[in-house]
Structure formats: structure tokens, C-alpha cells
Amino acid sequence: MMGNWGFFGMSMMWLIWLPLIALFVWFIIKITRNNGNGFDNGRNAIEILKEKFAKGEIGKEEFDEKIKILRRS
């Protein structure tokens, strides 16, 4: 019941579907991956602390304390 295409037709279907499925899986992984560090745009915790200190959101004591904690780990 496969018509005149037979095995060749089924092979061609897989050549179409496999790349589409692979592209879909790659896209899902790309949009959901967070590089495991919890921060976007490649910023790390020390850079974020420096930014908060520069904006005045945290004081020098808090900045120094958190920097020490981060450098220990």
C-alpha cells in the first residue's frame, strides 16, 4: 500500500523528518539553556556585585563580605 515509491519513498521521508526533529530539539535546548550559572549575558556574581556597589545598592561592608564568600567557593 505504499504506492510506487516503496522503500525509497520511506527513506526520503526520514531524510526530511530527521533534520526537522534535530532542528527542533536544538532550538529547544538553545532557548532553555542557562549555562548553569544562573546569570544571563555571561555576567558572573562578582560583576553583578561590582555593579550593585557602583549604583549604591549595597554598601562597602556588604560588598567586601560577599566578595570574600564568593572567592572562597
Protein backbone atom coordinates (compact mmCIF):
# COMPACT_ATOMS: atom_id res chain seq x y z
CA MET A 1 0.00 0.00 0.00
CA MET A 2 2.98 2.31 -0.32
CA GLY A 3 2.30 3.04 -3.95
CA ASN A 4 5.13 3.02 -6.43
CA TRP A 5 7.71 4.61 -4.10
CA GLY A 6 8.30 1.63 -1.81
CA PHE A 7 11.42 1.67 0.36
CA PHE A 8 12.86 4.68 -1.48
CA GLY A 9 9.85 6.78 -0.56
CA MET A 10 10.11 5.82 3.11
CA SER A 11 13.83 6.67 3.10
CA MET A 12 13.10 10.08 1.64
CA MET A 13 10.53 10.73 4.37
CA TRP A 14 13.17 10.04 7.04
CA LEU A 15 15.62 12.35 5.27
CA ILE A 16 13.06 15.10 5.65
CA TRP A 17 11.82 14.38 9.19
CA LEU A 18 15.13 13.65 10.96
CA PRO A 19 16.69 17.08 10.23
CA LEU A 20 13.45 18.79 11.22
CA ILE A 21 13.32 16.91 14.52
CA ALA A 22 17.02 17.62 15.17
CA LEU A 23 16.47 21.32 14.45
CA PHE A 24 13.51 21.42 16.82
CA VAL A 25 15.48 19.70 19.62
CA TRP A 26 18.45 22.06 19.08
CA PHE A 27 16.14 25.08 19.25
CA ILE A 28 14.51 23.91 22.49
CA ILE A 29 17.90 23.29 24.09
CA LYS A 30 19.20 26.67 22.92
CA ILE A 31 16.30 28.66 24.38
CA THR A 32 16.19 26.77 27.68
CA ARG A 33 19.91 26.55 28.43
CA ASN A 34 21.22 29.00 31.01
CA ASN A 35 24.86 27.87 31.07
CA GLY A 36 24.37 26.52 34.57
CA ASN A 37 25.45 29.70 36.35
CA GLY A 38 22.04 31.30 36.84
CA PHE A 39 23.01 34.60 35.21
CA ASP A 40 22.18 35.93 31.77
CA ASN A 41 24.50 37.60 29.28
CA GLY A 42 27.61 35.88 30.64
CA ARG A 43 27.72 38.02 33.78
CA ASN A 44 29.10 36.35 36.87
CA ALA A 45 28.30 37.07 40.51
CA ILE A 46 31.34 39.28 41.14
CA GLU A 47 30.49 41.52 38.17
CA ILE A 48 26.93 41.86 39.44
CA LEU A 49 28.18 42.76 42.92
CA LYS A 50 30.50 45.40 41.46
CA GLU A 51 27.59 46.86 39.54
CA LYS A 52 25.35 46.96 42.63
CA PHE A 53 28.13 48.60 44.64
CA ALA A 54 28.70 51.19 41.91
CA LYS A 55 24.98 52.01 41.85
CA GLY A 56 24.92 52.36 45.63
CA GLU A 57 22.53 49.45 46.12
CA ILE A 58 24.91 47.82 48.62
CA GLY A 59 27.47 49.30 50.99
CA LYS A 60 31.22 48.65 51.16
CA GLU A 61 30.95 46.26 54.10
CA GLU A 62 28.33 44.14 52.40
CA PHE A 63 30.29 44.21 49.14
CA ASP A 64 33.53 43.11 50.84
CA GLU A 65 31.76 40.35 52.78
CA LYS A 66 30.08 38.92 49.68
CA ILE A 67 33.28 39.13 47.62
CA LYS A 68 35.10 37.08 50.30
CA ILE A 69 32.34 34.48 50.28
CA LEU A 70 32.36 34.19 46.51
CA ARG A 71 36.14 33.91 46.26
CA ARG A 72 36.17 31.09 48.83
CA SER A 73 33.79 28.96 46.80
